[in-house]
Amino acid sequence: MTRTAHFSCRCGGVTGLLHDAAPAQVCHLVCYCRDCRAFARHMDRMGALEPGGGSSLVQVLPARIEMSSGAQHIGCLRLSPKGLHRWYATCCGSPLANTVGSSRMPLAGMWRPLFADPSIFGPVRVHGFVKSALSGQGAPTKDKGLAFMLGGLIKRGLGAYMAGTARHSPFFDAAGAPVSVPHVLTGDERRAAYAD
């Protein structure tokens, strides 16, 4: 049975649907890497992180993301010139998703706080980069589920290529260019973002 999950930024300026959102079709994870935490800090969303500074994400195929409203408010930044494309709502600063810099890899890590009812994704299956968690704040003590995550990435990606939908994404146009020119953080912005 297919499931659809509704999502919205904080102010409601960007809304959409995630199709095929059942646990078997996504990867529900918490990432404790410093980069994801720096993104949250830069967007003033540290209060939405898990204990230990983990970012709650849902890895999905970009083709399953449907923007209902506010596509004109999609912005993009990169923590460094070679960093991930980190998408956010320019209307209120809500993180939206992380992608690589090309539509060739069918992967988007959506920001779980966008979803009013995250129970649709089932329990968290993966804890990643736990060694970078903030100490003394209740984070897990070791990574778990990384092989599960990798297997899911491969399976979903191959399925998308076989279906001809691998390069469909709300974050890249038909030619594969980002829908918003990425802003690379300045030196001062980077130092503030990584101020653990």
C-alpha atoms as a PDB file:
ATOM      1  CA  MET A   1       0.000   0.000   0.000  1.00  0.00           C
ATOM      2  CA  THR A   2       1.386   3.400  -0.956  1.00  0.00           C
ATOM      3  CA  ARG A   3       1.451   6.176   1.583  1.00  0.00           C
ATOM      4  CA  THR A   4       1.672   9.924   1.110  1.00  0.00           C
ATOM      5  CA  ALA A   5       3.123  12.297   3.689  1.00  0.00           C
ATOM      6  CA  HIS A   6       2.423  16.025   3.760  1.00  0.00           C
ATOM      7  CA  PHE A   7       5.225  18.463   4.556  1.00  0.00           C
ATOM      8  CA  SER A   8       5.509  22.179   5.185  1.00  0.00           C
ATOM      9  CA  CYS A   9       8.108  24.724   6.186  1.00  0.00           C
ATOM     10  CA  ARG A  10       7.626  26.624   9.461  1.00  0.00           C
ATOM     11  CA  CYS A  11       5.624  29.474   7.943  1.00  0.00           C
ATOM     12  CA  GLY A  12       3.667  27.405   5.429  1.00  0.00           C
ATOM     13  CA  GLY A  13       5.202  29.170   2.445  1.00  0.00           C
ATOM     14  CA  VAL A  14       6.568  25.892   1.060  1.00  0.00           C
ATOM     15  CA  THR A  15       4.318  22.839   1.109  1.00  0.00           C
ATOM     16  CA  GLY A  16       4.319  19.514  -0.637  1.00  0.00           C
ATOM     17  CA  LEU A  17       3.765  15.791  -0.668  1.00  0.00           C
ATOM     18  CA  LEU A  18       6.137  12.882  -0.337  1.00  0.00           C
ATOM     19  CA  HIS A  19       4.743   9.916  -2.233  1.00  0.00           C
ATOM     20  CA  ASP A  20       5.524   6.295  -1.354  1.00  0.00           C
ATOM     21  CA  ALA A  21       6.530   7.274   2.166  1.00  0.00           C
ATOM     22  CA  ALA A  22       6.104   3.859   3.790  1.00  0.00           C
ATOM     23  CA  PRO A  23       9.042   2.590   5.893  1.00  0.00           C
ATOM     24  CA  ALA A  24      10.083   0.109   3.193  1.00  0.00           C
ATOM     25  CA  GLN A  25      10.467   2.944   0.672  1.00  0.00           C
ATOM     26  CA  VAL A  26      12.547   5.381   2.735  1.00  0.00           C
ATOM     27  CA  CYS A  27      15.435   5.410   5.188  1.00  0.00           C
ATOM     28  CA  HIS A  28      14.635   7.070   8.500  1.00  0.00           C
ATOM     29  CA  LEU A  29      17.879   8.187  10.132  1.00  0.00           C
ATOM     30  CA  VAL A  30      19.613  10.596  12.466  1.00  0.00           C
ATOM     31  CA  CYS A  31      22.903  12.074  11.260  1.00  0.00           C
ATOM     32  CA  TYR A  32      25.325  13.424  13.869  1.00  0.00           C
ATOM     33  CA  CYS A  33      27.941  14.817  11.474  1.00  0.00           C
ATOM     34  CA  ARG A  34      29.229  18.335  12.051  1.00  0.00           C
ATOM     35  CA  ASP A  35      28.136  19.437   8.581  1.00  0.00           C
ATOM     36  CA  CYS A  36      24.452  18.684   9.159  1.00  0.00           C
ATOM     37  CA  ARG A  37      24.674  20.359  12.558  1.00  0.00           C
ATOM     38  CA  ALA A  38      26.390  23.406  10.989  1.00  0.00           C
ATOM     39  CA  PHE A  39      23.540  23.666   8.475  1.00  0.00           C
ATOM     40  CA  ALA A  40      20.981  23.588  11.299  1.00  0.00           C
ATOM     41  CA  ARG A  41      22.929  26.211  13.227  1.00  0.00           C
ATOM     42  CA  HIS A  42      23.245  28.484  10.189  1.00  0.00           C
ATOM     43  CA  MET A  43      19.479  28.230   9.640  1.00  0.00           C
ATOM     44  CA  ASP A  44      18.813  28.868  13.371  1.00  0.00           C
ATOM     45  CA  ARG A  45      17.233  25.429  13.835  1.00  0.00           C
ATOM     46  CA  MET A  46      19.416  23.916  16.552  1.00  0.00           C
ATOM     47  CA  GLY A  47      16.317  23.511  18.706  1.00  0.00           C
ATOM     48  CA  ALA A  48      14.955  20.943  16.249  1.00  0.00           C
ATOM     49  CA  LEU A  49      17.946  18.598  16.609  1.00  0.00           C
ATOM     50  CA  GLU A  50      18.002  15.328  18.508  1.00  0.00           C
ATOM     51  CA  PRO A  51      19.971  14.956  21.781  1.00  0.00           C
ATOM     52  CA  GLY A  52      23.654  15.140  20.919  1.00  0.00           C
ATOM     53  CA  GLY A  53      23.025  17.435  17.974  1.00  0.00           C
ATOM     54  CA  GLY A  54      21.655  14.886  15.505  1.00  0.00           C
ATOM     55  CA  SER A  55      19.703  15.927  12.426  1.00  0.00           C
ATOM     56  CA  SER A  56      16.602  13.814  11.787  1.00  0.00           C
ATOM     57  CA  LEU A  57      16.380  12.979   8.097  1.00  0.00           C
ATOM     58  CA  VAL A  58      14.397  10.808   5.725  1.00  0.00           C
ATOM     59  CA  GLN A  59      16.288   9.583   2.663  1.00  0.00           C
ATOM     60  CA  VAL A  60      13.987   9.403  -0.338  1.00  0.00           C
ATOM     61  CA  LEU A  61      13.983   9.427  -4.112  1.00  0.00           C
ATOM     62  CA  PRO A  62      13.708  13.058  -5.309  1.00  0.00           C
ATOM     63  CA  ALA A  63      11.145  12.034  -7.935  1.00  0.00           C
ATOM     64  CA  ARG A  64       8.735  11.218  -5.108  1.00  0.00           C
ATOM     65  CA  ILE A  65       8.807  14.797  -3.785  1.00  0.00           C
ATOM     66  CA  GLU A  66       5.961  16.927  -5.127  1.00  0.00           C
ATOM     67  CA  MET A  67       5.956  20.639  -4.387  1.00  0.00           C
ATOM     68  CA  SER A  68       2.392  21.868  -3.871  1.00  0.00           C
ATOM     69  CA  SER A  69       3.201  25.530  -3.246  1.00  0.00           C
ATOM     70  CA  GLY A  70       6.135  27.850  -2.747  1.00  0.00           C
ATOM     71  CA  ALA A  71       8.611  26.405  -5.255  1.00  0.00           C
ATOM     72  CA  GLN A  72       9.793  29.983  -5.824  1.00  0.00           C
ATOM     73  CA  HIS A  73      10.971  30.032  -2.199  1.00  0.00           C
ATOM     74  CA  ILE A  74      13.466  27.182  -2.593  1.00  0.00           C
ATOM     75  CA  GLY A  75      16.977  28.385  -1.799  1.00  0.00           C
ATOM     76  CA  CYS A  76      20.288  26.545  -1.744  1.00  0.00           C
ATOM     77  CA  LEU A  77      23.550  26.845   0.143  1.00  0.00           C
ATOM     78  CA  ARG A  78      26.793  24.926   0.394  1.00  0.00           C
ATOM     79  CA  LEU A  79      28.915  24.883   3.507  1.00  0.00           C
ATOM     80  CA  SER A  80      32.010  24.777   1.300  1.00  0.00           C
ATOM     81  CA  PRO A  81      32.669  24.941  -2.461  1.00  0.00           C
ATOM     82  CA  LYS A  82      32.555  21.128  -2.659  1.00  0.00           C
ATOM     83  CA  GLY A  83      29.870  20.547  -0.035  1.00  0.00           C
ATOM     84  CA  LEU A  84      26.425  19.054  -0.437  1.00  0.00           C
ATOM     85  CA  HIS A  85      23.618  21.160  -1.837  1.00  0.00           C
ATOM     86  CA  ARG A  86      21.533  22.043   1.200  1.00  0.00           C
ATOM     87  CA  TRP A  87      18.073  23.280   0.292  1.00  0.00           C
ATOM     88  CA  TYR A  88      15.929  25.518   2.469  1.00  0.00           C
ATOM     89  CA  ALA A  89      12.836  27.708   2.405  1.00  0.00           C
ATOM     90  CA  THR A  90      13.852  31.323   1.855  1.00  0.00           C
ATOM     91  CA  CYS A  91      10.553  32.491   3.360  1.00  0.00           C
ATOM     92  CA  CYS A  92      11.408  31.291   6.884  1.00  0.00           C
ATOM     93  CA  GLY A  93      14.770  29.527   6.799  1.00  0.00           C
ATOM     94  CA  SER A  94      13.430  26.009   7.269  1.00  0.00           C
ATOM     95  CA  PRO A  95      15.818  23.305   6.030  1.00  0.00           C
ATOM     96  CA  LEU A  96      14.202  21.224   3.293  1.00  0.00           C
ATOM     97  CA  ALA A  97      16.668  18.600   2.071  1.00  0.00           C
ATOM     98  CA  ASN A  98      20.259  17.662   1.315  1.00  0.00           C
ATOM     99  CA  THR A  99      21.378  16.427  -2.104  1.00  0.00           C
ATOM    100  CA  VAL A 100      24.626  15.931  -3.942  1.00  0.00           C
ATOM    101  CA  GLY A 101      25.422  18.557  -6.553  1.00  0.00           C
ATOM    102  CA  SER A 102      23.953  16.634  -9.470  1.00  0.00           C
ATOM    103  CA  SER A 103      20.596  15.175 -10.399  1.00  0.00           C
ATOM    104  CA  ARG A 104      22.409  12.032 -11.593  1.00  0.00           C
ATOM    105  CA  MET A 105      22.311  10.575  -8.070  1.00  0.00           C
ATOM    106  CA  PRO A 106      18.673  10.001  -7.084  1.00  0.00           C
ATOM    107  CA  LEU A 107      18.943  10.864  -3.414  1.00  0.00           C
ATOM    108  CA  ALA A 108      17.440  13.507  -1.149  1.00  0.00           C
ATOM    109  CA  GLY A 109      17.737  13.573   2.621  1.00  0.00           C
ATOM    110  CA  MET A 110      14.602  15.435   3.673  1.00  0.00           C
ATOM    111  CA  TRP A 111      14.463  17.311   6.992  1.00  0.00           C
ATOM    112  CA  ARG A 112      12.095  15.253   9.150  1.00  0.00           C
ATOM    113  CA  PRO A 113      10.707  18.217  11.168  1.00  0.00           C
ATOM    114  CA  LEU A 114       8.929  19.281   7.959  1.00  0.00           C
ATOM    115  CA  PHE A 115       6.457  16.450   8.495  1.00  0.00           C
ATOM    116  CA  ALA A 116       3.614  16.854  10.967  1.00  0.00           C
ATOM    117  CA  ASP A 117       3.324  13.076  11.454  1.00  0.00           C
ATOM    118  CA  PRO A 118       6.731  11.396  11.115  1.00  0.00           C
ATOM    119  CA  SER A 119       5.311   8.099  12.410  1.00  0.00           C
ATOM    120  CA  ILE A 120       4.531   7.255   8.788  1.00  0.00           C
ATOM    121  CA  PHE A 121       8.254   6.525   8.311  1.00  0.00           C
ATOM    122  CA  GLY A 122       8.440   3.988  11.122  1.00  0.00           C
ATOM    123  CA  PRO A 123      11.196   4.014  13.747  1.00  0.00           C
ATOM    124  CA  VAL A 124      14.650   5.460  13.186  1.00  0.00           C
ATOM    125  CA  ARG A 125      16.740   2.697  11.596  1.00  0.00           C
ATOM    126  CA  VAL A 126      20.107   4.422  11.266  1.00  0.00           C
ATOM    127  CA  HIS A 127      22.385   6.480  13.507  1.00  0.00           C
ATOM    128  CA  GLY A 128      25.341   7.863  11.562  1.00  0.00           C
ATOM    129  CA  PHE A 129      28.569   9.714  12.422  1.00  0.00           C
ATOM    130  CA  VAL A 130      27.900   9.313  16.130  1.00  0.00           C
ATOM    131  CA  LYS A 131      31.571  10.045  16.899  1.00  0.00           C
ATOM    132  CA  SER A 132      30.842  13.671  15.924  1.00  0.00           C
ATOM    133  CA  ALA A 133      27.893  14.028  18.313  1.00  0.00           C
ATOM    134  CA  LEU A 134      27.970  16.663  21.025  1.00  0.00           C
ATOM    135  CA  SER A 135      29.312  14.994  24.146  1.00  0.00           C
ATOM    136  CA  GLY A 136      27.283  14.626  27.310  1.00  0.00           C
ATOM    137  CA  GLN A 137      23.940  15.285  25.648  1.00  0.00           C
ATOM    138  CA  GLY A 138      22.388  11.832  25.363  1.00  0.00           C
ATOM    139  CA  ALA A 139      23.502  10.787  21.890  1.00  0.00           C
ATOM    140  CA  PRO A 140      23.876   7.089  21.001  1.00  0.00           C
ATOM    141  CA  THR A 141      27.314   5.665  21.662  1.00  0.00           C
ATOM    142  CA  LYS A 142      27.904   4.030  18.286  1.00  0.00           C
ATOM    143  CA  ASP A 143      26.707   4.033  14.693  1.00  0.00           C
ATOM    144  CA  LYS A 144      24.039   1.583  13.634  1.00  0.00           C
ATOM    145  CA  GLY A 145      22.326   0.574  10.419  1.00  0.00           C
ATOM    146  CA  LEU A 146      24.876   1.970   7.947  1.00  0.00           C
ATOM    147  CA  ALA A 147      24.821  -1.204   5.838  1.00  0.00           C
ATOM    148  CA  PHE A 148      21.026  -1.017   5.797  1.00  0.00           C
ATOM    149  CA  MET A 149      21.232   2.601   4.618  1.00  0.00           C
ATOM    150  CA  LEU A 150      23.703   1.790   1.841  1.00  0.00           C
ATOM    151  CA  GLY A 151      21.650  -1.150   0.655  1.00  0.00           C
ATOM    152  CA  GLY A 152      18.538   0.997   0.504  1.00  0.00           C
ATOM    153  CA  LEU A 153      20.345   3.695  -1.463  1.00  0.00           C
ATOM    154  CA  ILE A 154      21.463   1.185  -4.064  1.00  0.00           C
ATOM    155  CA  LYS A 155      18.081  -0.526  -4.310  1.00  0.00           C
ATOM    156  CA  ARG A 156      16.093   2.694  -4.630  1.00  0.00           C
ATOM    157  CA  GLY A 157      18.594   4.218  -7.046  1.00  0.00           C
ATOM    158  CA  LEU A 158      18.597   1.207  -9.367  1.00  0.00           C
ATOM    159  CA  GLY A 159      14.815   1.137  -9.282  1.00  0.00           C
ATOM    160  CA  ALA A 160      14.657   4.814 -10.216  1.00  0.00           C
ATOM    161  CA  TYR A 161      16.992   4.330 -13.171  1.00  0.00           C
ATOM    162  CA  MET A 162      15.008   1.336 -14.385  1.00  0.00           C
ATOM    163  CA  ALA A 163      11.789   3.387 -14.133  1.00  0.00           C
ATOM    164  CA  GLY A 164      13.341   6.354 -15.957  1.00  0.00           C
ATOM    165  CA  THR A 165      12.724   8.716 -13.039  1.00  0.00           C
ATOM    166  CA  ALA A 166      16.234   8.908 -11.572  1.00  0.00           C
ATOM    167  CA  ARG A 167      16.850  12.510 -12.672  1.00  0.00           C
ATOM    168  CA  HIS A 168      13.402  13.850 -11.768  1.00  0.00           C
ATOM    169  CA  SER A 169      13.796  16.284  -8.878  1.00  0.00           C
ATOM    170  CA  PRO A 170      12.194  19.465  -7.563  1.00  0.00           C
ATOM    171  CA  PHE A 171      15.713  20.752  -6.858  1.00  0.00           C
ATOM    172  CA  PHE A 172      17.158  20.473 -10.381  1.00  0.00           C
ATOM    173  CA  ASP A 173      15.690  21.511 -13.717  1.00  0.00           C
ATOM    174  CA  ALA A 174      15.366  19.314 -16.811  1.00  0.00           C
ATOM    175  CA  ALA A 175      18.924  20.172 -17.839  1.00  0.00           C
ATOM    176  CA  GLY A 176      20.274  19.136 -14.431  1.00  0.00           C
ATOM    177  CA  ALA A 177      20.970  22.661 -13.156  1.00  0.00           C
ATOM    178  CA  PRO A 178      20.022  23.650  -9.589  1.00  0.00           C
ATOM    179  CA  VAL A 179      16.716  25.532  -9.434  1.00  0.00           C
ATOM    180  CA  SER A 180      18.439  28.063  -7.164  1.00  0.00           C
ATOM    181  CA  VAL A 181      22.041  29.231  -7.447  1.00  0.00           C
ATOM    182  CA  PRO A 182      23.861  27.839  -4.386  1.00  0.00           C
ATOM    183  CA  HIS A 183      25.318  30.333  -1.925  1.00  0.00           C
ATOM    184  CA  VAL A 184      28.670  29.124  -0.575  1.00  0.00           C
ATOM    185  CA  LEU A 185      29.171  30.191   3.025  1.00  0.00           C
ATOM    186  CA  THR A 186      31.769  32.871   3.585  1.00  0.00           C
ATOM    187  CA  GLY A 187      34.628  32.305   6.015  1.00  0.00           C
ATOM    188  CA  ASP A 188      32.821  34.176   8.775  1.00  0.00           C
ATOM    189  CA  GLU A 189      29.598  32.284   8.126  1.00  0.00           C
ATOM    190  CA  ARG A 190      31.446  28.959   8.241  1.00  0.00           C
ATOM    191  CA  ARG A 191      33.150  29.763  11.531  1.00  0.00           C
ATOM    192  CA  ALA A 192      29.807  30.688  13.078  1.00  0.00           C
ATOM    193  CA  ALA A 193      28.101  27.586  11.673  1.00  0.00           C
ATOM    194  CA  TYR A 194      30.745  25.226  13.072  1.00  0.00           C
ATOM    195  CA  ALA A 195      30.951  26.846  16.518  1.00  0.00           C
ATOM    196  CA  ASP A 196      30.271  23.682  18.564  1.00  0.00           C
END
